[in-house]
Amino acid sequence: MTNEEYANARNRLIPMAEAHANREEGKRPQQWEGPHRFAKRWNLCFLSEMDRLARKEGLVPHEKLF
């Protein structure tokens, strides 16, 4: 797989990961939290889902369990 193919395959996962993060963390900060805390939570959720989806699609190897 070329870098361009990998990038295109990863990019196709973005809408699913974004929808997941919006469902789990919301689209805006709660009244009690600032935007930086919200951004950190949302980004962690989004990136974790991107990695999960990439493993599921076979784009990256599954982590070995020891």
N, C-alpha and C. Protein backbone atom coordinates (compact mmCIF):
# COMPACT_ATOMS: atom_id res chain seq x y z
N MET A 1 0.85 -1.17 0.00
CA MET A 1 0.00 0.00 0.00
C MET A 1 0.91 1.24 0.00
N THR A 2 0.63 2.16 -0.90
CA THR A 2 1.41 3.39 -0.95
C THR A 2 0.95 4.35 0.14
N ASN A 3 1.77 5.37 0.40
CA ASN A 3 1.39 6.38 1.39
C ASN A 3 0.08 7.06 1.01
N GLU A 4 -0.10 7.33 -0.27
CA GLU A 4 -1.33 7.98 -0.73
C GLU A 4 -2.54 7.08 -0.51
N GLU A 5 -2.41 5.80 -0.79
CA GLU A 5 -3.52 4.87 -0.57
C GLU A 5 -3.85 4.78 0.92
N TYR A 6 -2.80 4.72 1.74
CA TYR A 6 -3.01 4.68 3.19
C TYR A 6 -3.72 5.94 3.66
N ALA A 7 -3.25 7.11 3.21
CA ALA A 7 -3.87 8.38 3.61
C ALA A 7 -5.33 8.43 3.17
N ASN A 8 -5.61 8.00 1.97
CA ASN A 8 -7.00 8.00 1.48
C ASN A 8 -7.87 7.05 2.29
N ALA A 9 -7.34 5.89 2.62
CA ALA A 9 -8.10 4.92 3.42
C ALA A 9 -8.36 5.48 4.82
N ARG A 10 -7.35 6.11 5.43
CA ARG A 10 -7.52 6.71 6.75
C ARG A 10 -8.55 7.84 6.70
N ASN A 11 -8.47 8.66 5.66
CA ASN A 11 -9.40 9.79 5.53
C ASN A 11 -10.85 9.34 5.42
N ARG A 12 -11.08 8.18 4.82
CA ARG A 12 -12.45 7.67 4.72
C ARG A 12 -13.02 7.31 6.09
N LEU A 13 -12.18 7.11 7.08
CA LEU A 13 -12.62 6.77 8.43
C LEU A 13 -13.03 7.99 9.25
N ILE A 14 -12.63 9.17 8.81
CA ILE A 14 -12.86 10.39 9.60
C ILE A 14 -14.33 10.61 9.93
N PRO A 15 -15.27 10.53 8.98
CA PRO A 15 -16.68 10.79 9.34
C PRO A 15 -17.20 9.84 10.43
N MET A 16 -16.79 8.58 10.39
CA MET A 16 -17.25 7.63 11.41
C MET A 16 -16.66 7.97 12.78
N ALA A 17 -15.39 8.32 12.82
CA ALA A 17 -14.75 8.66 14.08
C ALA A 17 -15.30 9.97 14.63
N GLU A 18 -15.59 10.91 13.76
CA GLU A 18 -16.17 12.19 14.18
C GLU A 18 -17.56 11.97 14.78
N ALA A 19 -18.38 11.17 14.12
CA ALA A 19 -19.72 10.89 14.64
C ALA A 19 -19.63 10.20 16.00
N HIS A 20 -18.69 9.28 16.15
CA HIS A 20 -18.50 8.58 17.42
C HIS A 20 -18.13 9.58 18.53
N ALA A 21 -17.16 10.45 18.25
CA ALA A 21 -16.74 11.44 19.26
C ALA A 21 -17.87 12.39 19.61
N ASN A 22 -18.67 12.79 18.62
CA ASN A 22 -19.80 13.66 18.90
C ASN A 22 -20.84 12.97 19.77
N ARG A 23 -21.08 11.69 19.53
CA ARG A 23 -22.03 10.94 20.35
C ARG A 23 -21.52 10.79 21.79
N GLU A 24 -20.24 10.46 21.91
CA GLU A 24 -19.66 10.18 23.24
C GLU A 24 -19.37 11.44 24.04
N GLU A 25 -18.88 12.49 23.39
CA GLU A 25 -18.41 13.68 24.11
C GLU A 25 -19.22 14.94 23.84
N GLY A 26 -20.13 14.87 22.87
CA GLY A 26 -20.92 16.05 22.52
C GLY A 26 -20.21 16.90 21.49
N LYS A 27 -20.92 17.93 21.03
CA LYS A 27 -20.35 18.81 20.01
C LYS A 27 -19.82 20.11 20.59
N ARG A 28 -20.19 20.40 21.84
CA ARG A 28 -19.77 21.63 22.50
C ARG A 28 -19.42 21.33 23.95
N PRO A 29 -18.61 22.21 24.55
CA PRO A 29 -18.27 22.02 25.96
C PRO A 29 -19.52 22.11 26.85
N GLN A 30 -19.50 21.39 27.94
CA GLN A 30 -20.54 21.53 28.95
C GLN A 30 -20.37 22.89 29.61
N GLN A 31 -21.40 23.39 30.28
CA GLN A 31 -21.32 24.70 30.93
C GLN A 31 -20.22 24.74 31.99
N TRP A 32 -19.95 23.62 32.62
CA TRP A 32 -19.00 23.57 33.73
C TRP A 32 -17.55 23.45 33.29
N GLU A 33 -17.30 23.24 32.01
CA GLU A 33 -15.92 23.06 31.56
C GLU A 33 -15.54 24.07 30.50
N GLY A 34 -14.26 24.33 30.42
CA GLY A 34 -13.76 25.26 29.41
C GLY A 34 -13.52 24.55 28.09
N PRO A 35 -13.27 25.33 27.05
CA PRO A 35 -13.08 24.75 25.72
C PRO A 35 -11.84 23.87 25.62
N HIS A 36 -10.80 24.16 26.38
CA HIS A 36 -9.58 23.35 26.29
C HIS A 36 -9.81 21.95 26.85
N ARG A 37 -10.51 21.85 27.95
CA ARG A 37 -10.80 20.54 28.53
C ARG A 37 -11.68 19.73 27.58
N PHE A 38 -12.68 20.39 27.01
CA PHE A 38 -13.56 19.71 26.05
C PHE A 38 -12.76 19.22 24.85
N ALA A 39 -11.91 20.09 24.29
CA ALA A 39 -11.12 19.72 23.12
C ALA A 39 -10.24 18.52 23.42
N LYS A 40 -9.67 18.48 24.60
CA LYS A 40 -8.81 17.35 24.97
C LYS A 40 -9.63 16.06 25.02
N ARG A 41 -10.80 16.09 25.66
CA ARG A 41 -11.66 14.91 25.75
C ARG A 41 -12.10 14.45 24.36
N TRP A 42 -12.58 15.41 23.56
CA TRP A 42 -13.12 15.08 22.23
C TRP A 42 -12.01 14.51 21.35
N ASN A 43 -10.85 15.15 21.34
CA ASN A 43 -9.74 14.69 20.49
C ASN A 43 -9.27 13.30 20.90
N LEU A 44 -9.19 13.04 22.18
CA LEU A 44 -8.78 11.71 22.64
C LEU A 44 -9.77 10.65 22.17
N CYS A 45 -11.05 10.95 22.27
CA CYS A 45 -12.09 10.02 21.82
C CYS A 45 -12.00 9.81 20.31
N PHE A 46 -11.86 10.89 19.56
CA PHE A 46 -11.77 10.82 18.10
C PHE A 46 -10.55 10.00 17.66
N LEU A 47 -9.39 10.32 18.22
CA LEU A 47 -8.17 9.63 17.81
C LEU A 47 -8.18 8.15 18.21
N SER A 48 -8.74 7.85 19.35
CA SER A 48 -8.86 6.45 19.77
C SER A 48 -9.76 5.68 18.80
N GLU A 49 -10.84 6.31 18.39
CA GLU A 49 -11.75 5.66 17.44
C GLU A 49 -11.09 5.52 16.07
N MET A 50 -10.34 6.51 15.64
CA MET A 50 -9.61 6.41 14.37
C MET A 50 -8.66 5.22 14.40
N ASP A 51 -7.94 5.06 15.50
CA ASP A 51 -7.02 3.92 15.62
C ASP A 51 -7.76 2.59 15.63
N ARG A 52 -8.89 2.55 16.35
CA ARG A 52 -9.68 1.31 16.40
C ARG A 52 -10.19 0.94 15.01
N LEU A 53 -10.72 1.93 14.31
CA LEU A 53 -11.24 1.67 12.97
C LEU A 53 -10.12 1.27 12.00
N ALA A 54 -8.96 1.89 12.12
CA ALA A 54 -7.84 1.54 11.25
C ALA A 54 -7.39 0.10 11.49
N ARG A 55 -7.38 -0.33 12.75
CA ARG A 55 -7.04 -1.74 13.03
C ARG A 55 -8.10 -2.66 12.47
N LYS A 56 -9.36 -2.28 12.63
CA LYS A 56 -10.47 -3.09 12.13
C LYS A 56 -10.40 -3.25 10.61
N GLU A 57 -10.01 -2.19 9.92
CA GLU A 57 -9.92 -2.22 8.46
C GLU A 57 -8.61 -2.83 7.96
N GLY A 58 -7.72 -3.19 8.88
CA GLY A 58 -6.46 -3.80 8.48
C GLY A 58 -5.41 -2.81 8.00
N LEU A 59 -5.59 -1.53 8.31
CA LEU A 59 -4.63 -0.52 7.89
C LEU A 59 -3.38 -0.51 8.77
N VAL A 60 -3.54 -0.91 10.01
CA VAL A 60 -2.41 -1.02 10.94
C VAL A 60 -2.53 -2.36 11.65
N PRO A 61 -1.41 -2.93 12.04
CA PRO A 61 -1.48 -4.24 12.71
C PRO A 61 -2.13 -4.13 14.08
N HIS A 62 -2.77 -5.20 14.49
CA HIS A 62 -3.33 -5.27 15.83
C HIS A 62 -2.18 -5.35 16.83
N GLU A 63 -2.38 -4.71 17.96
CA GLU A 63 -1.35 -4.75 18.99
C GLU A 63 -1.25 -6.15 19.56
N LYS A 64 -0.04 -6.56 19.82
CA LYS A 64 0.16 -7.88 20.43
C LYS A 64 -0.11 -7.79 21.93
N LEU A 65 -0.77 -8.79 22.44
CA LEU A 65 -1.01 -8.86 23.87
C LEU A 65 0.00 -9.79 24.48
N PHE A 66 0.63 -9.37 25.54
CA PHE A 66 1.63 -10.19 26.20
C PHE A 66 1.08 -10.74 27.49
